[in-house]
Amino acid sequence: MNERKVPEELAALDAELTGIGRRVQRQIDPGPAALGVSIAILVLIVALILPWTGSVRGWEVLAGLEPRLGVLPRLFTFTSLGFGLVVSTLALATRWWALAWLSAVGCGISVVTGLWAIWSRQVAVPVGGTGPGVGVVLALLAVITLAVCWARIAGRRG
């Protein structure tokens, strides 16, 4: 191997430049996709205020105030807020590549749980129950948008 010799008076500068190079390699530049991510996060927050089924709102599902809905809608609220809101916000703030990938994969998982939640409200509804509301559909669309945006951002860097 051809190892280069750095004079002692420049050793500190060489170490600093090497560290900067490593930090740059771990970061992403979301570019214009950051606006799409931000809007999808805002839509996800608004979806918690809207009805998810009947008169039950998203935040009530998250808090567990309506246990008759089952586990799937509640699982979707946890995954969508965990990955779609928390991890996405952290990835935008820190611009870490690992968080961008975690957000992409997590939002992808949340898409599956969201589809299951909507399906469960259409198929396994007891007599007199209600189907999926506008809030859960809007939350699913926001999570789909987040998964696509984060996959593009993280894949562009990789």
N, C-alpha and C. Protein backbone atom coordinates (compact mmCIF):
# COMPACT_ATOMS: atom_id res chain seq x y z
N MET A 1 0.83 -1.18 0.00
CA MET A 1 0.00 0.00 0.00
C MET A 1 0.88 1.24 0.00
N ASN A 2 0.42 2.22 -0.67
CA ASN A 2 1.16 3.47 -0.76
C ASN A 2 0.61 4.42 0.30
N GLU A 3 1.23 4.46 1.46
CA GLU A 3 0.81 5.30 2.56
C GLU A 3 1.52 6.65 2.45
N ARG A 4 0.77 7.72 2.48
CA ARG A 4 1.39 9.03 2.35
C ARG A 4 1.83 9.53 3.72
N LYS A 5 2.92 10.24 3.72
CA LYS A 5 3.46 10.81 4.95
C LYS A 5 2.99 12.25 5.08
N VAL A 6 2.44 12.55 6.24
CA VAL A 6 1.99 13.90 6.53
C VAL A 6 2.97 14.52 7.51
N PRO A 7 3.47 15.71 7.19
CA PRO A 7 4.38 16.37 8.13
C PRO A 7 3.69 16.59 9.49
N GLU A 8 4.45 16.59 10.54
CA GLU A 8 3.89 16.70 11.88
C GLU A 8 3.11 17.99 12.08
N GLU A 9 3.54 19.06 11.47
CA GLU A 9 2.83 20.33 11.66
C GLU A 9 1.48 20.35 10.95
N LEU A 10 1.24 19.41 10.02
CA LEU A 10 -0.04 19.33 9.32
C LEU A 10 -0.87 18.13 9.75
N ALA A 11 -0.44 17.37 10.73
CA ALA A 11 -1.14 16.16 11.17
C ALA A 11 -2.53 16.49 11.73
N ALA A 12 -2.64 17.56 12.50
CA ALA A 12 -3.94 17.94 13.07
C ALA A 12 -4.91 18.34 11.96
N LEU A 13 -4.42 19.07 10.97
CA LEU A 13 -5.26 19.48 9.85
C LEU A 13 -5.70 18.27 9.03
N ASP A 14 -4.80 17.31 8.84
CA ASP A 14 -5.14 16.10 8.11
C ASP A 14 -6.22 15.30 8.85
N ALA A 15 -6.11 15.20 10.15
CA ALA A 15 -7.11 14.48 10.95
C ALA A 15 -8.47 15.18 10.87
N GLU A 16 -8.45 16.49 10.92
CA GLU A 16 -9.71 17.25 10.83
C GLU A 16 -10.37 17.06 9.46
N LEU A 17 -9.59 17.11 8.40
CA LEU A 17 -10.14 16.92 7.06
C LEU A 17 -10.67 15.50 6.86
N THR A 18 -10.02 14.53 7.42
CA THR A 18 -10.49 13.15 7.35
C THR A 18 -11.83 13.01 8.08
N GLY A 19 -11.94 13.64 9.22
CA GLY A 19 -13.20 13.61 9.98
C GLY A 19 -14.34 14.28 9.24
N ILE A 20 -14.05 15.39 8.56
CA ILE A 20 -15.08 16.09 7.78
C ILE A 20 -15.55 15.20 6.64
N GLY A 21 -14.62 14.52 6.01
CA GLY A 21 -15.00 13.61 4.91
C GLY A 21 -15.92 12.50 5.38
N ARG A 22 -15.65 11.96 6.54
CA ARG A 22 -16.51 10.90 7.08
C ARG A 22 -17.90 11.42 7.42
N ARG A 23 -17.98 12.63 7.99
CA ARG A 23 -19.29 13.21 8.33
C ARG A 23 -20.11 13.48 7.08
N VAL A 24 -19.47 13.94 6.03
CA VAL A 24 -20.17 14.22 4.78
C VAL A 24 -20.70 12.94 4.16
N GLN A 25 -19.95 11.85 4.27
CA GLN A 25 -20.39 10.58 3.72
C GLN A 25 -21.64 10.05 4.40
N ARG A 26 -21.87 10.39 5.66
CA ARG A 26 -23.02 9.89 6.41
C ARG A 26 -24.25 10.77 6.25
N GLN A 27 -24.16 11.88 5.53
CA GLN A 27 -25.28 12.81 5.44
C GLN A 27 -25.95 12.74 4.07
N ILE A 28 -27.20 13.22 4.04
CA ILE A 28 -28.00 13.27 2.82
C ILE A 28 -28.35 14.72 2.53
N ASP A 29 -28.75 14.96 1.31
CA ASP A 29 -29.29 16.25 0.93
C ASP A 29 -30.67 15.99 0.34
N PRO A 30 -31.74 16.24 1.11
CA PRO A 30 -33.07 15.91 0.61
C PRO A 30 -33.51 16.77 -0.57
N GLY A 31 -32.93 17.95 -0.71
CA GLY A 31 -33.27 18.81 -1.84
C GLY A 31 -34.75 19.18 -1.85
N PRO A 32 -35.35 19.24 -3.05
CA PRO A 32 -36.76 19.62 -3.15
C PRO A 32 -37.71 18.59 -2.53
N ALA A 33 -37.27 17.37 -2.35
CA ALA A 33 -38.13 16.34 -1.75
C ALA A 33 -38.43 16.65 -0.29
N ALA A 34 -37.64 17.51 0.33
CA ALA A 34 -37.88 17.90 1.72
C ALA A 34 -39.23 18.59 1.87
N LEU A 35 -39.65 19.33 0.84
CA LEU A 35 -40.95 19.98 0.88
C LEU A 35 -42.06 18.94 0.87
N GLY A 36 -41.93 17.91 0.04
CA GLY A 36 -42.92 16.84 0.01
C GLY A 36 -43.00 16.09 1.32
N VAL A 37 -41.85 15.85 1.94
CA VAL A 37 -41.81 15.18 3.24
C VAL A 37 -42.50 16.06 4.28
N SER A 38 -42.21 17.34 4.27
CA SER A 38 -42.80 18.25 5.25
C SER A 38 -44.31 18.33 5.11
N ILE A 39 -44.80 18.39 3.88
CA ILE A 39 -46.25 18.45 3.66
C ILE A 39 -46.90 17.14 4.10
N ALA A 40 -46.27 16.01 3.79
CA ALA A 40 -46.83 14.72 4.20
C ALA A 40 -46.87 14.59 5.72
N ILE A 41 -45.87 15.11 6.41
CA ILE A 41 -45.87 15.10 7.88
C ILE A 41 -47.02 15.94 8.40
N LEU A 42 -47.24 17.10 7.80
CA LEU A 42 -48.35 17.96 8.21
C LEU A 42 -49.70 17.28 7.97
N VAL A 43 -49.85 16.61 6.83
CA VAL A 43 -51.09 15.89 6.53
C VAL A 43 -51.30 14.77 7.55
N LEU A 44 -50.24 14.11 7.94
CA LEU A 44 -50.34 13.04 8.94
C LEU A 44 -50.82 13.59 10.29
N ILE A 45 -50.35 14.74 10.66
CA ILE A 45 -50.79 15.37 11.91
C ILE A 45 -52.27 15.74 11.82
N VAL A 46 -52.68 16.31 10.68
CA VAL A 46 -54.09 16.69 10.49
C VAL A 46 -54.98 15.45 10.50
N ALA A 47 -54.48 14.33 9.97
CA ALA A 47 -55.28 13.10 9.92
C ALA A 47 -55.62 12.59 11.32
N LEU A 48 -54.81 12.93 12.30
CA LEU A 48 -55.12 12.51 13.68
C LEU A 48 -56.34 13.22 14.24
N ILE A 49 -56.67 14.36 13.70
CA ILE A 49 -57.81 15.13 14.18
C ILE A 49 -59.10 14.67 13.51
N LEU A 50 -58.99 14.12 12.32
CA LEU A 50 -60.16 13.69 11.55
C LEU A 50 -60.66 12.34 12.03
N PRO A 51 -61.93 12.01 11.72
CA PRO A 51 -62.48 10.71 12.12
C PRO A 51 -61.81 9.56 11.37
N TRP A 52 -61.47 8.51 12.11
CA TRP A 52 -60.86 7.32 11.51
C TRP A 52 -61.91 6.26 11.24
N THR A 53 -62.93 6.21 12.05
CA THR A 53 -64.06 5.33 11.82
C THR A 53 -65.23 5.85 12.65
N GLY A 54 -66.34 6.09 11.98
CA GLY A 54 -67.48 6.68 12.67
C GLY A 54 -67.12 8.04 13.23
N SER A 55 -67.31 8.20 14.53
CA SER A 55 -66.96 9.48 15.18
C SER A 55 -65.65 9.39 15.96
N VAL A 56 -64.97 8.26 15.87
CA VAL A 56 -63.71 8.06 16.59
C VAL A 56 -62.57 8.71 15.81
N ARG A 57 -61.89 9.63 16.45
CA ARG A 57 -60.80 10.36 15.79
C ARG A 57 -59.47 9.61 15.97
N GLY A 58 -58.50 10.00 15.17
CA GLY A 58 -57.21 9.31 15.18
C GLY A 58 -56.50 9.37 16.52
N TRP A 59 -56.55 10.51 17.19
CA TRP A 59 -55.87 10.61 18.48
C TRP A 59 -56.55 9.73 19.52
N GLU A 60 -57.86 9.49 19.37
CA GLU A 60 -58.55 8.60 20.29
C GLU A 60 -58.12 7.14 20.07
N VAL A 61 -57.87 6.78 18.81
CA VAL A 61 -57.36 5.45 18.50
C VAL A 61 -55.97 5.30 19.10
N LEU A 62 -55.13 6.32 18.95
CA LEU A 62 -53.78 6.29 19.50
C LEU A 62 -53.79 6.14 21.02
N ALA A 63 -54.69 6.85 21.67
CA ALA A 63 -54.77 6.81 23.13
C ALA A 63 -55.44 5.54 23.65
N GLY A 64 -56.06 4.77 22.77
CA GLY A 64 -56.72 3.54 23.19
C GLY A 64 -58.06 3.76 23.83
N LEU A 65 -58.72 4.88 23.50
CA LEU A 65 -60.01 5.19 24.10
C LEU A 65 -61.15 4.38 23.50
N GLU A 66 -60.90 3.73 22.38
CA GLU A 66 -61.93 2.92 21.72
C GLU A 66 -61.37 1.51 21.50
N PRO A 67 -61.46 0.65 22.51
CA PRO A 67 -60.86 -0.68 22.41
C PRO A 67 -61.59 -1.62 21.44
N ARG A 68 -62.82 -1.30 21.07
CA ARG A 68 -63.58 -2.18 20.17
C ARG A 68 -63.05 -2.16 18.74
N LEU A 69 -62.18 -1.25 18.41
CA LEU A 69 -61.66 -1.17 17.04
C LEU A 69 -60.69 -2.29 16.72
N GLY A 70 -60.08 -2.86 17.71
CA GLY A 70 -59.11 -3.93 17.47
C GLY A 70 -57.69 -3.40 17.47
N VAL A 71 -56.76 -4.30 17.20
CA VAL A 71 -55.34 -3.98 17.31
C VAL A 71 -54.79 -3.32 16.04
N LEU A 72 -55.33 -3.62 14.88
CA LEU A 72 -54.73 -3.12 13.63
C LEU A 72 -54.81 -1.60 13.46
N PRO A 73 -55.95 -0.95 13.71
CA PRO A 73 -55.93 0.51 13.62
C PRO A 73 -54.98 1.16 14.63
N ARG A 74 -54.89 0.58 15.81
CA ARG A 74 -53.98 1.14 16.82
C ARG A 74 -52.52 0.91 16.42
N LEU A 75 -52.23 -0.26 15.86
CA LEU A 75 -50.88 -0.52 15.37
C LEU A 75 -50.50 0.47 14.27
N PHE A 76 -51.44 0.80 13.40
CA PHE A 76 -51.17 1.78 12.34
C PHE A 76 -50.89 3.16 12.92
N THR A 77 -51.61 3.55 13.96
CA THR A 77 -51.33 4.86 14.55
C THR A 77 -49.92 4.91 15.12
N PHE A 78 -49.50 3.82 15.78
CA PHE A 78 -48.15 3.81 16.36
C PHE A 78 -47.08 3.81 15.28
N THR A 79 -47.23 2.99 14.25
CA THR A 79 -46.19 2.94 13.22
C THR A 79 -46.17 4.21 12.39
N SER A 80 -47.34 4.75 12.08
CA SER A 80 -47.37 5.96 11.25
C SER A 80 -46.79 7.16 12.00
N LEU A 81 -47.11 7.28 13.28
CA LEU A 81 -46.55 8.40 14.04
C LEU A 81 -45.09 8.17 14.40
N GLY A 82 -44.74 6.93 14.71
CA GLY A 82 -43.35 6.64 15.06
C GLY A 82 -42.40 6.88 13.91
N PHE A 83 -42.71 6.26 12.77
CA PHE A 83 -41.83 6.39 11.62
C PHE A 83 -42.16 7.63 10.78
N GLY A 84 -43.44 7.88 10.57
CA GLY A 84 -43.84 8.98 9.70
C GLY A 84 -43.63 10.35 10.30
N LEU A 85 -43.81 10.46 11.60
CA LEU A 85 -43.67 11.76 12.24
C LEU A 85 -42.32 11.91 12.94
N VAL A 86 -42.01 11.01 13.86
CA VAL A 86 -40.82 11.17 14.69
C VAL A 86 -39.53 10.92 13.89
N VAL A 87 -39.43 9.75 13.26
CA VAL A 87 -38.19 9.42 12.55
C VAL A 87 -38.00 10.33 11.33
N SER A 88 -39.10 10.65 10.63
CA SER A 88 -38.98 11.55 9.48
C SER A 88 -38.52 12.94 9.89
N THR A 89 -39.04 13.44 10.99
CA THR A 89 -38.62 14.75 11.48
C THR A 89 -37.15 14.73 11.90
N LEU A 90 -36.75 13.67 12.59
CA LEU A 90 -35.34 13.56 12.97
C LEU A 90 -34.43 13.45 11.75
N ALA A 91 -34.87 12.70 10.74
CA ALA A 91 -34.06 12.56 9.52
C ALA A 91 -33.93 13.89 8.79
N LEU A 92 -35.00 14.67 8.75
CA LEU A 92 -34.92 15.99 8.12
C LEU A 92 -34.01 16.92 8.91
N ALA A 93 -34.10 16.86 10.23
CA ALA A 93 -33.32 17.77 11.07
C ALA A 93 -31.83 17.42 11.07
N THR A 94 -31.52 16.12 11.16
CA THR A 94 -30.11 15.72 11.27
C THR A 94 -29.47 15.44 9.92
N ARG A 95 -30.27 15.09 8.93
CA ARG A 95 -29.82 14.72 7.57
C ARG A 95 -28.91 13.51 7.58
N TRP A 96 -29.14 12.61 8.53
CA TRP A 96 -28.35 11.38 8.59
C TRP A 96 -28.91 10.37 7.63
N TRP A 97 -28.02 9.73 6.91
CA TRP A 97 -28.40 8.74 5.92
C TRP A 97 -29.09 7.54 6.56
N ALA A 98 -28.62 7.10 7.69
CA ALA A 98 -29.21 5.94 8.38
C ALA A 98 -30.65 6.24 8.80
N LEU A 99 -30.92 7.44 9.28
CA LEU A 99 -32.28 7.80 9.65
C LEU A 99 -33.19 7.90 8.43
N ALA A 100 -32.64 8.34 7.29
CA ALA A 100 -33.43 8.39 6.07
C ALA A 100 -33.84 6.98 5.65
N TRP A 101 -32.92 6.03 5.73
CA TRP A 101 -33.26 4.64 5.40
C TRP A 101 -34.24 4.06 6.41
N LEU A 102 -34.04 4.35 7.68
CA LEU A 102 -34.97 3.87 8.70
C LEU A 102 -36.37 4.42 8.46
N SER A 103 -36.44 5.67 8.08
CA SER A 103 -37.74 6.27 7.79
C SER A 103 -38.38 5.64 6.56
N ALA A 104 -37.59 5.37 5.53
CA ALA A 104 -38.12 4.74 4.32
C ALA A 104 -38.66 3.34 4.62
N VAL A 105 -37.88 2.54 5.34
CA VAL A 105 -38.31 1.18 5.66
C VAL A 105 -39.49 1.21 6.64
N GLY A 106 -39.41 2.06 7.65
CA GLY A 106 -40.48 2.15 8.63
C GLY A 106 -41.79 2.64 8.04
N CYS A 107 -41.71 3.62 7.15
CA CYS A 107 -42.93 4.08 6.49
C CYS A 107 -43.48 3.00 5.56
N GLY A 108 -42.61 2.20 4.97
CA GLY A 108 -43.07 1.07 4.17
C GLY A 108 -43.83 0.07 5.03
N ILE A 109 -43.32 -0.22 6.21
CA ILE A 109 -44.02 -1.10 7.15
C ILE A 109 -45.35 -0.48 7.56
N SER A 110 -45.34 0.82 7.76
CA SER A 110 -46.56 1.53 8.15
C SER A 110 -47.61 1.49 7.04
N VAL A 111 -47.18 1.48 5.79
CA VAL A 111 -48.13 1.35 4.68
C VAL A 111 -48.86 0.01 4.78
N VAL A 112 -48.12 -1.04 5.08
CA VAL A 112 -48.73 -2.37 5.21
C VAL A 112 -49.71 -2.38 6.39
N THR A 113 -49.31 -1.84 7.52
CA THR A 113 -50.22 -1.83 8.67
C THR A 113 -51.43 -0.94 8.41
N GLY A 114 -51.25 0.13 7.64
CA GLY A 114 -52.38 0.98 7.28
C GLY A 114 -53.37 0.27 6.37
N LEU A 115 -52.86 -0.48 5.41
CA LEU A 115 -53.75 -1.26 4.55
C LEU A 115 -54.49 -2.31 5.36
N TRP A 116 -53.81 -2.95 6.31
CA TRP A 116 -54.46 -3.91 7.19
C TRP A 116 -55.54 -3.24 8.04
N ALA A 117 -55.24 -2.03 8.53
CA ALA A 117 -56.21 -1.32 9.37
C ALA A 117 -57.47 -0.98 8.58
N ILE A 118 -57.31 -0.52 7.36
CA ILE A 118 -58.47 -0.21 6.53
C ILE A 118 -59.22 -1.49 6.18
N TRP A 119 -58.48 -2.53 5.83
CA TRP A 119 -59.10 -3.81 5.50
C TRP A 119 -59.90 -4.35 6.69
N SER A 120 -59.33 -4.22 7.89
CA SER A 120 -60.02 -4.74 9.08
C SER A 120 -61.32 -3.99 9.35
N ARG A 121 -61.37 -2.72 8.99
CA ARG A 121 -62.60 -1.95 9.18
C ARG A 121 -63.63 -2.23 8.09
N GLN A 122 -63.23 -2.88 7.02
CA GLN A 122 -64.16 -3.21 5.96
C GLN A 122 -64.66 -4.65 6.07
N VAL A 123 -63.83 -5.53 6.61
CA VAL A 123 -64.17 -6.95 6.62
C VAL A 123 -64.67 -7.41 7.99
N ALA A 124 -63.96 -7.09 9.03
CA ALA A 124 -64.26 -7.61 10.36
C ALA A 124 -65.03 -6.63 11.22
N VAL A 125 -66.00 -5.95 10.64
CA VAL A 125 -66.77 -4.96 11.39
C VAL A 125 -67.98 -5.66 12.01
N PRO A 126 -68.16 -5.52 13.32
CA PRO A 126 -69.34 -6.12 13.93
C PRO A 126 -70.63 -5.43 13.45
N VAL A 127 -71.74 -6.06 13.68
CA VAL A 127 -73.03 -5.50 13.26
C VAL A 127 -73.20 -4.12 13.91
N GLY A 128 -73.52 -3.14 13.08
CA GLY A 128 -73.70 -1.78 13.57
C GLY A 128 -72.40 -0.98 13.61
N GLY A 129 -71.28 -1.59 13.24
CA GLY A 129 -69.98 -0.90 13.24
C GLY A 129 -69.84 -0.01 12.02
N THR A 130 -68.81 0.77 12.00
CA THR A 130 -68.57 1.69 10.89
C THR A 130 -67.30 1.30 10.15
N GLY A 131 -67.22 1.70 8.92
CA GLY A 131 -66.05 1.43 8.09
C GLY A 131 -64.98 2.47 8.30
N PRO A 132 -63.96 2.43 7.45
CA PRO A 132 -62.86 3.40 7.60
C PRO A 132 -63.33 4.82 7.28
N GLY A 133 -62.79 5.76 8.03
CA GLY A 133 -63.12 7.16 7.83
C GLY A 133 -62.07 7.88 7.00
N VAL A 134 -62.30 9.16 6.80
CA VAL A 134 -61.42 9.95 5.96
C VAL A 134 -60.04 10.13 6.60
N GLY A 135 -59.96 10.13 7.91
CA GLY A 135 -58.69 10.33 8.60
C GLY A 135 -57.71 9.20 8.37
N VAL A 136 -58.18 7.96 8.44
CA VAL A 136 -57.28 6.82 8.26
C VAL A 136 -56.83 6.72 6.80
N VAL A 137 -57.69 7.06 5.88
CA VAL A 137 -57.31 7.04 4.46
C VAL A 137 -56.29 8.14 4.18
N LEU A 138 -56.51 9.31 4.73
CA LEU A 138 -55.57 10.42 4.56
C LEU A 138 -54.22 10.10 5.19
N ALA A 139 -54.24 9.46 6.36
CA ALA A 139 -53.00 9.06 7.02
C ALA A 139 -52.25 8.04 6.17
N LEU A 140 -52.98 7.10 5.57
CA LEU A 140 -52.34 6.11 4.71
C LEU A 140 -51.71 6.76 3.49
N LEU A 141 -52.40 7.71 2.88
CA LEU A 141 -51.83 8.42 1.72
C LEU A 141 -50.58 9.21 2.12
N ALA A 142 -50.60 9.81 3.30
CA ALA A 142 -49.42 10.55 3.78
C ALA A 142 -48.24 9.61 4.01
N VAL A 143 -48.50 8.44 4.55
CA VAL A 143 -47.42 7.49 4.82
C VAL A 143 -46.87 6.91 3.52
N ILE A 144 -47.74 6.69 2.55
CA ILE A 144 -47.27 6.23 1.23
C ILE A 144 -46.34 7.28 0.62
N THR A 145 -46.75 8.54 0.70
CA THR A 145 -45.92 9.63 0.19
C THR A 145 -44.58 9.68 0.90
N LEU A 146 -44.60 9.54 2.23
CA LEU A 146 -43.35 9.56 2.99
C LEU A 146 -42.44 8.40 2.60
N ALA A 147 -43.02 7.21 2.44
CA ALA A 147 -42.19 6.05 2.08
C ALA A 147 -41.52 6.25 0.72
N VAL A 148 -42.27 6.78 -0.24
CA VAL A 148 -41.70 7.00 -1.57
C VAL A 148 -40.63 8.10 -1.53
N CYS A 149 -40.93 9.20 -0.86
CA CYS A 149 -39.96 10.30 -0.77
C CYS A 149 -38.68 9.86 -0.09
N TRP A 150 -38.79 9.16 1.05
CA TRP A 150 -37.59 8.74 1.77
C TRP A 150 -36.81 7.70 1.00
N ALA A 151 -37.49 6.82 0.29
CA ALA A 151 -36.77 5.82 -0.51
C ALA A 151 -35.97 6.50 -1.62
N ARG A 152 -36.56 7.52 -2.24
CA ARG A 152 -35.84 8.26 -3.28
C ARG A 152 -34.66 9.04 -2.70
N ILE A 153 -34.86 9.68 -1.55
CA ILE A 153 -33.79 10.46 -0.93
C ILE A 153 -32.64 9.56 -0.50
N ALA A 154 -32.95 8.48 0.21
CA ALA A 154 -31.91 7.58 0.71
C ALA A 154 -31.25 6.82 -0.43
N GLY A 155 -32.00 6.44 -1.44
CA GLY A 155 -31.44 5.72 -2.58
C GLY A 155 -30.53 6.58 -3.43
N ARG A 156 -30.82 7.83 -3.50
CA ARG A 156 -29.99 8.77 -4.28
C ARG A 156 -28.61 8.92 -3.66
N ARG A 157 -28.54 8.86 -2.36
CA ARG A 157 -27.27 9.02 -1.65
C ARG A 157 -26.46 7.72 -1.70
N GLY A 158 -27.17 6.56 -1.64
CA GLY A 158 -26.54 5.26 -1.50
C GLY A 158 -25.77 4.84 -2.70
